[in-house]
Amino acid sequence: MRVPAEERKEQLIAATVELMRREGVQSVTIRAIAKEANAPLATAHYCFSNKEELMEAAAEAWFKNLSRFSRDVPVHLGLRKAVEQVAEGYWRALKEEPASILSEIELILWATRNAAVSPLAAKIYPAYEVELGNIFSAAAQSNGDHCLIDFPTLVRIFLMIYDGAAIQYMTDPKATDHRAQFFMMVDALLLKAGV
């Protein structure tokens, strides 16, 4: 039975994400993805010309997945609440899907290491800047909040805090109260931003 190219492409992306979650980014090859998706190798090469293209598609899928943790942020409650709600959602993602977050970090590091052949590294954080920047800006506007830090910078600092907290949490989840420390840093950021 012939599978339409777009459907097959989605299967290959899902297989890439699953393989990365289970075995890490280093396990991704076109051959391994074809096997994971139960697809002919020639079809995988037809859908994705190289590993970099496949990794970029996987990054987009991950971004959409993580976006669901910030989708329903109540912007009418103001900037502070919006940032806190995003932080809650991201922390929930870390607790519920640690393998996904670990794979996303591995993907960012892979993209950085392979920046000469893949533009992915330069795309990841700007995508977050747009997504979260729109949420934070709308929240500030709806409540009349004045933020002392521009929104792209606020998002970047928020993500620095989250990435660091996520890595520390994943290395030893029981070592300390990572969640409390994460929210302490988010609160310090919001205080610095004047909200």
N, C-alpha and C. Protein backbone atom coordinates (compact mmCIF):
# COMPACT_ATOMS: atom_id res chain seq x y z
N MET A 1 0.84 -1.19 0.00
CA MET A 1 0.00 0.00 0.00
C MET A 1 0.89 1.25 0.00
N ARG A 2 0.61 2.15 -0.92
CA ARG A 2 1.39 3.37 -1.06
C ARG A 2 0.92 4.41 -0.05
N VAL A 3 1.87 5.00 0.66
CA VAL A 3 1.56 6.06 1.63
C VAL A 3 1.89 7.39 0.96
N PRO A 4 0.96 8.37 0.99
CA PRO A 4 1.25 9.68 0.39
C PRO A 4 2.50 10.32 1.01
N ALA A 5 3.24 11.07 0.20
CA ALA A 5 4.54 11.64 0.63
C ALA A 5 4.41 12.48 1.89
N GLU A 6 3.38 13.32 1.98
CA GLU A 6 3.24 14.17 3.18
C GLU A 6 2.97 13.34 4.43
N GLU A 7 2.17 12.31 4.29
CA GLU A 7 1.90 11.42 5.42
C GLU A 7 3.17 10.68 5.82
N ARG A 8 3.92 10.22 4.84
CA ARG A 8 5.16 9.50 5.11
C ARG A 8 6.16 10.44 5.79
N LYS A 9 6.20 11.69 5.32
CA LYS A 9 7.11 12.67 5.91
C LYS A 9 6.79 12.86 7.41
N GLU A 10 5.51 12.96 7.73
CA GLU A 10 5.09 13.10 9.14
C GLU A 10 5.47 11.86 9.95
N GLN A 11 5.35 10.69 9.35
CA GLN A 11 5.75 9.45 10.03
C GLN A 11 7.25 9.46 10.31
N LEU A 12 8.02 9.93 9.34
CA LEU A 12 9.48 9.98 9.51
C LEU A 12 9.87 10.98 10.59
N ILE A 13 9.17 12.12 10.64
CA ILE A 13 9.45 13.12 11.69
C ILE A 13 9.11 12.53 13.05
N ALA A 14 7.95 11.89 13.16
CA ALA A 14 7.55 11.27 14.44
C ALA A 14 8.56 10.20 14.85
N ALA A 15 9.03 9.43 13.89
CA ALA A 15 10.04 8.40 14.18
C ALA A 15 11.34 9.03 14.64
N THR A 16 11.71 10.15 14.04
CA THR A 16 12.93 10.86 14.45
C THR A 16 12.82 11.33 15.89
N VAL A 17 11.70 11.96 16.21
CA VAL A 17 11.48 12.46 17.57
C VAL A 17 11.51 11.30 18.56
N GLU A 18 10.83 10.22 18.23
CA GLU A 18 10.79 9.05 19.14
C GLU A 18 12.17 8.43 19.32
N LEU A 19 12.92 8.28 18.24
CA LEU A 19 14.26 7.71 18.33
C LEU A 19 15.17 8.61 19.17
N MET A 20 15.06 9.92 18.97
CA MET A 20 15.87 10.85 19.78
C MET A 20 15.51 10.75 21.25
N ARG A 21 14.22 10.66 21.55
CA ARG A 21 13.79 10.53 22.95
C ARG A 21 14.35 9.26 23.58
N ARG A 22 14.30 8.19 22.83
CA ARG A 22 14.67 6.88 23.36
C ARG A 22 16.18 6.67 23.41
N GLU A 23 16.89 7.09 22.34
CA GLU A 23 18.31 6.74 22.22
C GLU A 23 19.25 7.92 22.08
N GLY A 24 18.69 9.13 21.97
CA GLY A 24 19.55 10.32 21.85
C GLY A 24 19.78 10.72 20.41
N VAL A 25 20.21 11.95 20.25
CA VAL A 25 20.41 12.54 18.93
C VAL A 25 21.47 11.79 18.14
N GLN A 26 22.47 11.28 18.80
CA GLN A 26 23.55 10.57 18.11
C GLN A 26 23.05 9.35 17.35
N SER A 27 21.88 8.84 17.69
CA SER A 27 21.34 7.65 17.05
C SER A 27 20.65 7.94 15.72
N VAL A 28 20.45 9.21 15.41
CA VAL A 28 19.69 9.58 14.21
C VAL A 28 20.54 9.47 12.95
N THR A 29 20.11 8.57 12.08
CA THR A 29 20.62 8.47 10.72
C THR A 29 19.38 8.28 9.84
N ILE A 30 19.49 8.56 8.58
CA ILE A 30 18.35 8.35 7.68
C ILE A 30 17.95 6.88 7.70
N ARG A 31 18.93 5.99 7.72
CA ARG A 31 18.65 4.55 7.75
C ARG A 31 17.90 4.16 9.03
N ALA A 32 18.35 4.67 10.18
CA ALA A 32 17.70 4.33 11.45
C ALA A 32 16.27 4.87 11.51
N ILE A 33 16.07 6.05 10.95
CA ILE A 33 14.73 6.65 10.94
C ILE A 33 13.81 5.86 10.03
N ALA A 34 14.31 5.47 8.86
CA ALA A 34 13.49 4.66 7.95
C ALA A 34 13.07 3.36 8.64
N LYS A 35 14.00 2.73 9.33
CA LYS A 35 13.68 1.49 10.04
C LYS A 35 12.65 1.76 11.14
N GLU A 36 12.85 2.83 11.92
CA GLU A 36 11.92 3.18 13.00
C GLU A 36 10.52 3.44 12.46
N ALA A 37 10.42 4.06 11.30
CA ALA A 37 9.12 4.40 10.70
C ALA A 37 8.56 3.27 9.85
N ASN A 38 9.33 2.19 9.74
CA ASN A 38 8.93 1.07 8.89
C ASN A 38 8.69 1.54 7.45
N ALA A 39 9.64 2.35 6.98
CA ALA A 39 9.54 2.94 5.64
C ALA A 39 10.75 2.51 4.81
N PRO A 40 10.61 2.42 3.51
CA PRO A 40 11.76 2.11 2.67
C PRO A 40 12.82 3.23 2.77
N LEU A 41 14.07 2.84 2.76
CA LEU A 41 15.16 3.81 2.85
C LEU A 41 15.07 4.83 1.71
N ALA A 42 14.74 4.38 0.52
CA ALA A 42 14.63 5.29 -0.63
C ALA A 42 13.56 6.35 -0.38
N THR A 43 12.47 5.98 0.27
CA THR A 43 11.41 6.92 0.58
C THR A 43 11.89 7.97 1.58
N ALA A 44 12.64 7.52 2.58
CA ALA A 44 13.20 8.46 3.56
C ALA A 44 14.12 9.47 2.87
N HIS A 45 14.95 8.99 1.94
CA HIS A 45 15.83 9.90 1.20
C HIS A 45 15.04 10.81 0.27
N TYR A 46 13.91 10.34 -0.23
CA TYR A 46 13.06 11.17 -1.08
C TYR A 46 12.43 12.30 -0.26
N CYS A 47 11.98 11.99 0.95
CA CYS A 47 11.31 12.98 1.80
C CYS A 47 12.29 13.97 2.42
N PHE A 48 13.49 13.50 2.75
CA PHE A 48 14.50 14.34 3.38
C PHE A 48 15.83 14.11 2.67
N SER A 49 16.37 15.16 2.11
CA SER A 49 17.59 15.00 1.31
C SER A 49 18.81 14.70 2.15
N ASN A 50 18.77 15.07 3.45
CA ASN A 50 19.91 14.79 4.32
C ASN A 50 19.48 14.82 5.79
N LYS A 51 20.38 14.46 6.65
CA LYS A 51 20.11 14.41 8.08
C LYS A 51 19.76 15.79 8.63
N GLU A 52 20.43 16.83 8.13
CA GLU A 52 20.19 18.18 8.62
C GLU A 52 18.73 18.61 8.38
N GLU A 53 18.22 18.27 7.22
CA GLU A 53 16.83 18.60 6.90
C GLU A 53 15.87 17.86 7.82
N LEU A 54 16.18 16.62 8.10
CA LEU A 54 15.36 15.81 9.01
C LEU A 54 15.42 16.36 10.43
N MET A 55 16.59 16.76 10.87
CA MET A 55 16.75 17.31 12.22
C MET A 55 15.98 18.63 12.35
N GLU A 56 15.99 19.43 11.30
CA GLU A 56 15.24 20.69 11.32
C GLU A 56 13.74 20.42 11.46
N ALA A 57 13.24 19.44 10.75
CA ALA A 57 11.82 19.06 10.85
C ALA A 57 11.51 18.55 12.26
N ALA A 58 12.41 17.80 12.84
CA ALA A 58 12.21 17.29 14.21
C ALA A 58 12.20 18.45 15.21
N ALA A 59 13.08 19.43 15.01
CA ALA A 59 13.12 20.60 15.90
C ALA A 59 11.80 21.35 15.84
N GLU A 60 11.25 21.49 14.66
CA GLU A 60 9.95 22.17 14.51
C GLU A 60 8.86 21.40 15.23
N ALA A 61 8.88 20.08 15.14
CA ALA A 61 7.89 19.26 15.85
C ALA A 61 8.03 19.44 17.36
N TRP A 62 9.26 19.49 17.84
CA TRP A 62 9.49 19.69 19.28
C TRP A 62 9.00 21.05 19.73
N PHE A 63 9.27 22.04 18.92
CA PHE A 63 8.83 23.39 19.27
C PHE A 63 7.31 23.43 19.40
N LYS A 64 6.62 22.79 18.47
CA LYS A 64 5.15 22.74 18.54
C LYS A 64 4.70 22.02 19.80
N ASN A 65 5.40 20.95 20.17
CA ASN A 65 5.06 20.21 21.38
C ASN A 65 5.24 21.07 22.62
N LEU A 66 6.36 21.77 22.71
CA LEU A 66 6.61 22.60 23.88
C LEU A 66 5.67 23.80 23.91
N SER A 67 5.25 24.26 22.75
CA SER A 67 4.32 25.39 22.68
C SER A 67 3.00 25.07 23.37
N ARG A 68 2.64 23.81 23.41
CA ARG A 68 1.37 23.47 24.07
C ARG A 68 1.41 23.77 25.56
N PHE A 69 2.61 23.88 26.13
CA PHE A 69 2.72 24.19 27.55
C PHE A 69 2.62 25.70 27.81
N SER A 70 2.58 26.51 26.74
CA SER A 70 2.44 27.95 26.92
C SER A 70 1.23 28.49 26.15
N ARG A 71 0.49 27.63 25.54
CA ARG A 71 -0.61 28.02 24.64
C ARG A 71 -1.72 28.80 25.35
N ASP A 72 -2.15 28.35 26.50
CA ASP A 72 -3.33 28.93 27.16
C ASP A 72 -2.98 29.87 28.31
N VAL A 73 -1.91 30.61 28.15
CA VAL A 73 -1.49 31.55 29.19
C VAL A 73 -2.50 32.70 29.27
N PRO A 74 -2.99 33.00 30.47
CA PRO A 74 -3.97 34.07 30.62
C PRO A 74 -3.32 35.45 30.53
N VAL A 75 -3.22 35.99 29.32
CA VAL A 75 -2.51 37.27 29.14
C VAL A 75 -3.24 38.42 29.81
N HIS A 76 -4.52 38.27 30.06
CA HIS A 76 -5.28 39.37 30.69
C HIS A 76 -4.86 39.62 32.14
N LEU A 77 -4.09 38.70 32.73
CA LEU A 77 -3.66 38.86 34.12
C LEU A 77 -2.34 39.61 34.26
N GLY A 78 -1.73 40.00 33.15
CA GLY A 78 -0.52 40.79 33.21
C GLY A 78 0.74 39.98 32.97
N LEU A 79 1.84 40.72 32.84
CA LEU A 79 3.12 40.12 32.47
C LEU A 79 3.64 39.15 33.51
N ARG A 80 3.63 39.53 34.77
CA ARG A 80 4.16 38.63 35.82
C ARG A 80 3.45 37.28 35.78
N LYS A 81 2.11 37.30 35.76
CA LYS A 81 1.36 36.04 35.75
C LYS A 81 1.63 35.25 34.48
N ALA A 82 1.76 35.93 33.36
CA ALA A 82 2.03 35.24 32.10
C ALA A 82 3.37 34.51 32.16
N VAL A 83 4.40 35.20 32.63
CA VAL A 83 5.72 34.57 32.73
C VAL A 83 5.67 33.40 33.71
N GLU A 84 5.00 33.60 34.85
CA GLU A 84 4.88 32.52 35.83
C GLU A 84 4.13 31.32 35.26
N GLN A 85 3.08 31.57 34.47
CA GLN A 85 2.32 30.48 33.86
C GLN A 85 3.16 29.73 32.83
N VAL A 86 3.93 30.45 32.03
CA VAL A 86 4.83 29.79 31.08
C VAL A 86 5.85 28.96 31.84
N ALA A 87 6.40 29.52 32.91
CA ALA A 87 7.37 28.79 33.73
C ALA A 87 6.74 27.51 34.29
N GLU A 88 5.51 27.61 34.78
CA GLU A 88 4.80 26.43 35.29
C GLU A 88 4.64 25.38 34.19
N GLY A 89 4.24 25.82 33.01
CA GLY A 89 4.06 24.89 31.90
C GLY A 89 5.35 24.23 31.48
N TYR A 90 6.42 25.01 31.40
CA TYR A 90 7.71 24.45 31.02
C TYR A 90 8.22 23.48 32.08
N TRP A 91 8.00 23.82 33.35
CA TRP A 91 8.45 22.90 34.40
C TRP A 91 7.64 21.61 34.36
N ARG A 92 6.35 21.73 34.07
CA ARG A 92 5.50 20.54 33.92
C ARG A 92 6.01 19.68 32.77
N ALA A 93 6.41 20.31 31.67
CA ALA A 93 6.97 19.57 30.53
C ALA A 93 8.22 18.80 30.96
N LEU A 94 9.05 19.45 31.76
CA LEU A 94 10.27 18.81 32.24
C LEU A 94 9.95 17.60 33.11
N LYS A 95 8.96 17.73 33.98
CA LYS A 95 8.58 16.63 34.87
C LYS A 95 7.88 15.50 34.11
N GLU A 96 7.01 15.87 33.16
CA GLU A 96 6.22 14.87 32.43
C GLU A 96 7.00 14.22 31.29
N GLU A 97 7.89 14.96 30.67
CA GLU A 97 8.59 14.47 29.48
C GLU A 97 10.10 14.76 29.54
N PRO A 98 10.78 14.28 30.58
CA PRO A 98 12.20 14.61 30.69
C PRO A 98 13.03 14.12 29.50
N ALA A 99 12.66 12.98 28.92
CA ALA A 99 13.41 12.48 27.77
C ALA A 99 13.26 13.41 26.58
N SER A 100 12.10 14.02 26.43
CA SER A 100 11.89 14.99 25.35
C SER A 100 12.75 16.23 25.54
N ILE A 101 12.78 16.73 26.77
CA ILE A 101 13.57 17.94 27.04
C ILE A 101 15.05 17.63 26.86
N LEU A 102 15.51 16.47 27.35
CA LEU A 102 16.91 16.08 27.17
C LEU A 102 17.25 15.99 25.69
N SER A 103 16.36 15.39 24.90
CA SER A 103 16.61 15.28 23.46
C SER A 103 16.62 16.64 22.79
N GLU A 104 15.75 17.55 23.25
CA GLU A 104 15.75 18.90 22.68
C GLU A 104 17.08 19.60 22.97
N ILE A 105 17.58 19.45 24.18
CA ILE A 105 18.88 20.05 24.52
C ILE A 105 19.98 19.41 23.67
N GLU A 106 19.93 18.10 23.52
CA GLU A 106 20.91 17.42 22.65
C GLU A 106 20.82 17.95 21.22
N LEU A 107 19.60 18.18 20.75
CA LEU A 107 19.41 18.68 19.39
C LEU A 107 20.01 20.08 19.24
N ILE A 108 19.81 20.92 20.24
CA ILE A 108 20.40 22.27 20.21
C ILE A 108 21.92 22.17 20.17
N LEU A 109 22.48 21.29 20.98
CA LEU A 109 23.94 21.12 20.99
C LEU A 109 24.44 20.54 19.67
N TRP A 110 23.70 19.56 19.12
CA TRP A 110 24.07 19.00 17.81
C TRP A 110 24.06 20.09 16.76
N ALA A 111 23.00 20.90 16.76
CA ALA A 111 22.88 21.97 15.76
C ALA A 111 24.01 22.98 15.91
N THR A 112 24.39 23.27 17.13
CA THR A 112 25.50 24.20 17.37
C THR A 112 26.80 23.62 16.87
N ARG A 113 27.03 22.34 17.15
CA ARG A 113 28.26 21.68 16.70
C ARG A 113 28.31 21.59 15.17
N ASN A 114 27.15 21.49 14.54
CA ASN A 114 27.08 21.34 13.08
C ASN A 114 26.61 22.61 12.38
N ALA A 115 26.84 23.75 13.00
CA ALA A 115 26.36 25.02 12.45
C ALA A 115 26.90 25.31 11.06
N ALA A 116 28.06 24.79 10.73
CA ALA A 116 28.63 25.03 9.40
C ALA A 116 27.80 24.38 8.29
N VAL A 117 27.09 23.30 8.61
CA VAL A 117 26.30 22.61 7.59
C VAL A 117 24.80 22.70 7.84
N SER A 118 24.39 23.21 9.00
CA SER A 118 22.98 23.28 9.33
C SER A 118 22.64 24.65 9.92
N PRO A 119 21.65 25.33 9.36
CA PRO A 119 21.25 26.62 9.91
C PRO A 119 20.35 26.50 11.14
N LEU A 120 20.11 25.29 11.59
CA LEU A 120 19.16 25.05 12.68
C LEU A 120 19.52 25.80 13.96
N ALA A 121 20.78 25.82 14.33
CA ALA A 121 21.17 26.46 15.60
C ALA A 121 20.74 27.92 15.64
N ALA A 122 20.84 28.59 14.52
CA ALA A 122 20.49 30.01 14.46
C ALA A 122 18.99 30.24 14.44
N LYS A 123 18.18 29.20 14.31
CA LYS A 123 16.73 29.33 14.22
C LYS A 123 16.00 29.03 15.52
N ILE A 124 16.60 28.22 16.38
CA ILE A 124 15.86 27.69 17.53
C ILE A 124 15.44 28.79 18.50
N TYR A 125 16.39 29.53 19.04
CA TYR A 125 16.02 30.54 20.03
C TYR A 125 15.22 31.70 19.45
N PRO A 126 15.50 32.14 18.22
CA PRO A 126 14.62 33.17 17.65
C PRO A 126 13.15 32.72 17.55
N ALA A 127 12.92 31.43 17.32
CA ALA A 127 11.54 30.94 17.29
C ALA A 127 10.88 31.10 18.66
N TYR A 128 11.63 30.81 19.71
CA TYR A 128 11.11 31.01 21.06
C TYR A 128 10.88 32.50 21.34
N GLU A 129 11.80 33.35 20.86
CA GLU A 129 11.64 34.79 21.06
C GLU A 129 10.31 35.27 20.50
N VAL A 130 9.96 34.78 19.32
CA VAL A 130 8.70 35.18 18.70
C VAL A 130 7.52 34.64 19.51
N GLU A 131 7.52 33.34 19.76
CA GLU A 131 6.40 32.70 20.47
C GLU A 131 6.18 33.32 21.85
N LEU A 132 7.21 33.30 22.68
CA LEU A 132 7.06 33.81 24.04
C LEU A 132 7.00 35.33 24.06
N GLY A 133 7.74 35.98 23.16
CA GLY A 133 7.71 37.44 23.10
C GLY A 133 6.31 37.95 22.83
N ASN A 134 5.58 37.28 21.94
CA ASN A 134 4.19 37.67 21.65
C ASN A 134 3.31 37.51 22.88
N ILE A 135 3.49 36.42 23.59
CA ILE A 135 2.69 36.17 24.81
C ILE A 135 3.02 37.23 25.86
N PHE A 136 4.30 37.46 26.12
CA PHE A 136 4.69 38.40 27.17
C PHE A 136 4.28 39.83 26.81
N SER A 137 4.44 40.20 25.56
CA SER A 137 4.06 41.54 25.11
C SER A 137 2.55 41.75 25.24
N ALA A 138 1.77 40.77 24.81
CA ALA A 138 0.31 40.87 24.92
C ALA A 138 -0.12 40.97 26.39
N ALA A 139 0.54 40.22 27.25
CA ALA A 139 0.21 40.25 28.68
C ALA A 139 0.52 41.62 29.28
N ALA A 140 1.67 42.18 28.93
CA ALA A 140 2.04 43.51 29.44
C ALA A 140 1.05 44.56 28.93
N GLN A 141 0.71 44.50 27.66
CA GLN A 141 -0.23 45.46 27.08
C GLN A 141 -1.61 45.36 27.72
N SER A 142 -2.08 44.16 27.92
CA SER A 142 -3.44 43.99 28.43
C SER A 142 -3.59 44.51 29.86
N ASN A 143 -2.51 44.53 30.59
CA ASN A 143 -2.56 44.94 31.99
C ASN A 143 -1.92 46.31 32.22
N GLY A 144 -1.39 46.91 31.17
CA GLY A 144 -0.73 48.21 31.32
C GLY A 144 0.61 48.11 32.03
N ASP A 145 1.24 46.93 31.99
CA ASP A 145 2.54 46.75 32.65
C ASP A 145 3.65 47.38 31.81
N HIS A 146 4.60 48.00 32.50
CA HIS A 146 5.78 48.54 31.83
C HIS A 146 6.96 47.64 32.19
N CYS A 147 7.56 47.05 31.16
CA CYS A 147 8.69 46.15 31.38
C CYS A 147 9.98 46.91 31.10
N LEU A 148 10.92 46.83 32.02
CA LEU A 148 12.20 47.53 31.89
C LEU A 148 13.18 46.81 30.98
N ILE A 149 12.83 45.60 30.58
CA ILE A 149 13.68 44.80 29.69
C ILE A 149 12.89 44.57 28.40
N ASP A 150 13.53 44.76 27.25
CA ASP A 150 12.80 44.51 26.00
C ASP A 150 12.42 43.03 25.94
N PHE A 151 11.33 42.73 25.22
CA PHE A 151 10.77 41.39 25.26
C PHE A 151 11.68 40.30 24.69
N PRO A 152 12.39 40.54 23.57
CA PRO A 152 13.32 39.49 23.12
C PRO A 152 14.39 39.16 24.17
N THR A 153 14.89 40.18 24.87
CA THR A 153 15.88 39.94 25.91
C THR A 153 15.25 39.22 27.10
N LEU A 154 14.04 39.61 27.47
CA LEU A 154 13.33 38.95 28.57
C LEU A 154 13.16 37.46 28.26
N VAL A 155 12.77 37.16 27.03
CA VAL A 155 12.60 35.75 26.63
C VAL A 155 13.93 35.01 26.70
N ARG A 156 14.99 35.61 26.16
CA ARG A 156 16.31 34.95 26.18
C ARG A 156 16.77 34.65 27.61
N ILE A 157 16.60 35.62 28.50
CA ILE A 157 17.02 35.40 29.89
C ILE A 157 16.15 34.32 30.54
N PHE A 158 14.84 34.38 30.28
CA PHE A 158 13.95 33.33 30.80
C PHE A 158 14.42 31.96 30.35
N LEU A 159 14.75 31.83 29.06
CA LEU A 159 15.20 30.54 28.53
C LEU A 159 16.55 30.13 29.09
N MET A 160 17.43 31.09 29.37
CA MET A 160 18.70 30.76 30.01
C MET A 160 18.45 30.14 31.38
N ILE A 161 17.53 30.74 32.11
CA ILE A 161 17.19 30.23 33.43
C ILE A 161 16.60 28.82 33.32
N TYR A 162 15.66 28.66 32.40
CA TYR A 162 15.02 27.36 32.23
C TYR A 162 16.01 26.29 31.78
N ASP A 163 16.81 26.60 30.76
CA ASP A 163 17.76 25.61 30.25
C ASP A 163 18.72 25.16 31.35
N GLY A 164 19.23 26.11 32.11
CA GLY A 164 20.15 25.76 33.20
C GLY A 164 19.46 24.92 34.27
N ALA A 165 18.25 25.32 34.64
CA ALA A 165 17.51 24.56 35.66
C ALA A 165 17.17 23.16 35.14
N ALA A 166 16.80 23.06 33.87
CA ALA A 166 16.43 21.76 33.30
C ALA A 166 17.63 20.82 33.29
N ILE A 167 18.78 21.32 32.88
CA ILE A 167 19.98 20.47 32.86
C ILE A 167 20.33 20.02 34.27
N GLN A 168 20.29 20.93 35.23
CA GLN A 168 20.62 20.54 36.60
C GLN A 168 19.60 19.54 37.14
N TYR A 169 18.32 19.76 36.85
CA TYR A 169 17.28 18.84 37.31
C TYR A 169 17.52 17.45 36.72
N MET A 170 17.82 17.38 35.42
CA MET A 170 17.97 16.07 34.78
C MET A 170 19.21 15.32 35.27
N THR A 171 20.25 16.04 35.68
CA THR A 171 21.44 15.34 36.14
C THR A 171 21.22 14.65 37.49
N ASP A 172 20.35 15.25 38.32
CA ASP A 172 20.06 14.64 39.62
C ASP A 172 18.76 15.22 40.17
N PRO A 173 17.62 14.66 39.78
CA PRO A 173 16.32 15.23 40.15
C PRO A 173 16.08 15.35 41.65
N LYS A 174 16.74 14.53 42.44
CA LYS A 174 16.48 14.54 43.88
C LYS A 174 17.51 15.32 44.68
N ALA A 175 18.50 15.90 44.02
CA ALA A 175 19.60 16.55 44.72
C ALA A 175 19.18 17.77 45.53
N THR A 176 18.28 18.54 45.02
CA THR A 176 17.87 19.78 45.67
C THR A 176 16.49 20.14 45.15
N ASP A 177 15.92 21.19 45.66
CA ASP A 177 14.60 21.61 45.18
C ASP A 177 14.79 22.49 43.94
N HIS A 178 15.01 21.84 42.82
CA HIS A 178 15.26 22.57 41.57
C HIS A 178 14.10 23.48 41.20
N ARG A 179 12.89 23.02 41.43
CA ARG A 179 11.72 23.83 41.07
C ARG A 179 11.72 25.14 41.84
N ALA A 180 11.95 25.09 43.13
CA ALA A 180 11.96 26.31 43.95
C ALA A 180 13.07 27.26 43.47
N GLN A 181 14.23 26.70 43.16
CA GLN A 181 15.33 27.54 42.69
C GLN A 181 15.02 28.15 41.32
N PHE A 182 14.39 27.37 40.44
CA PHE A 182 13.99 27.88 39.13
C PHE A 182 13.04 29.07 39.30
N PHE A 183 12.01 28.90 40.15
CA PHE A 183 11.06 29.99 40.33
C PHE A 183 11.66 31.18 41.07
N MET A 184 12.66 30.94 41.91
CA MET A 184 13.36 32.04 42.55
C MET A 184 14.08 32.89 41.50
N MET A 185 14.70 32.24 40.53
CA MET A 185 15.40 32.95 39.45
C MET A 185 14.41 33.67 38.54
N VAL A 186 13.27 33.04 38.26
CA VAL A 186 12.24 33.70 37.44
C VAL A 186 11.74 34.95 38.17
N ASP A 187 11.52 34.83 39.47
CA ASP A 187 11.08 35.98 40.26
C ASP A 187 12.13 37.10 40.23
N ALA A 188 13.40 36.74 40.34
CA ALA A 188 14.48 37.74 40.28
C ALA A 188 14.48 38.44 38.92
N LEU A 189 14.25 37.69 37.86
CA LEU A 189 14.17 38.28 36.52
C LEU A 189 13.00 39.27 36.44
N LEU A 190 11.86 38.87 36.97
CA LEU A 190 10.69 39.75 36.92
C LEU A 190 10.89 41.00 37.76
N LEU A 191 11.55 40.87 38.89
CA LEU A 191 11.87 42.04 39.70
C LEU A 191 12.80 43.00 38.95
N LYS A 192 13.79 42.43 38.28
CA LYS A 192 14.72 43.22 37.47
C LYS A 192 13.96 43.92 36.33
N ALA A 193 12.92 43.24 35.80
CA ALA A 193 12.13 43.81 34.72
C ALA A 193 11.10 44.83 35.22
N GLY A 194 10.99 44.97 36.54
CA GLY A 194 10.09 45.95 37.12
C GLY A 194 8.64 45.51 37.19
N VAL A 195 8.40 44.20 37.15
CA VAL A 195 7.01 43.71 37.25
C VAL A 195 6.86 42.71 38.39
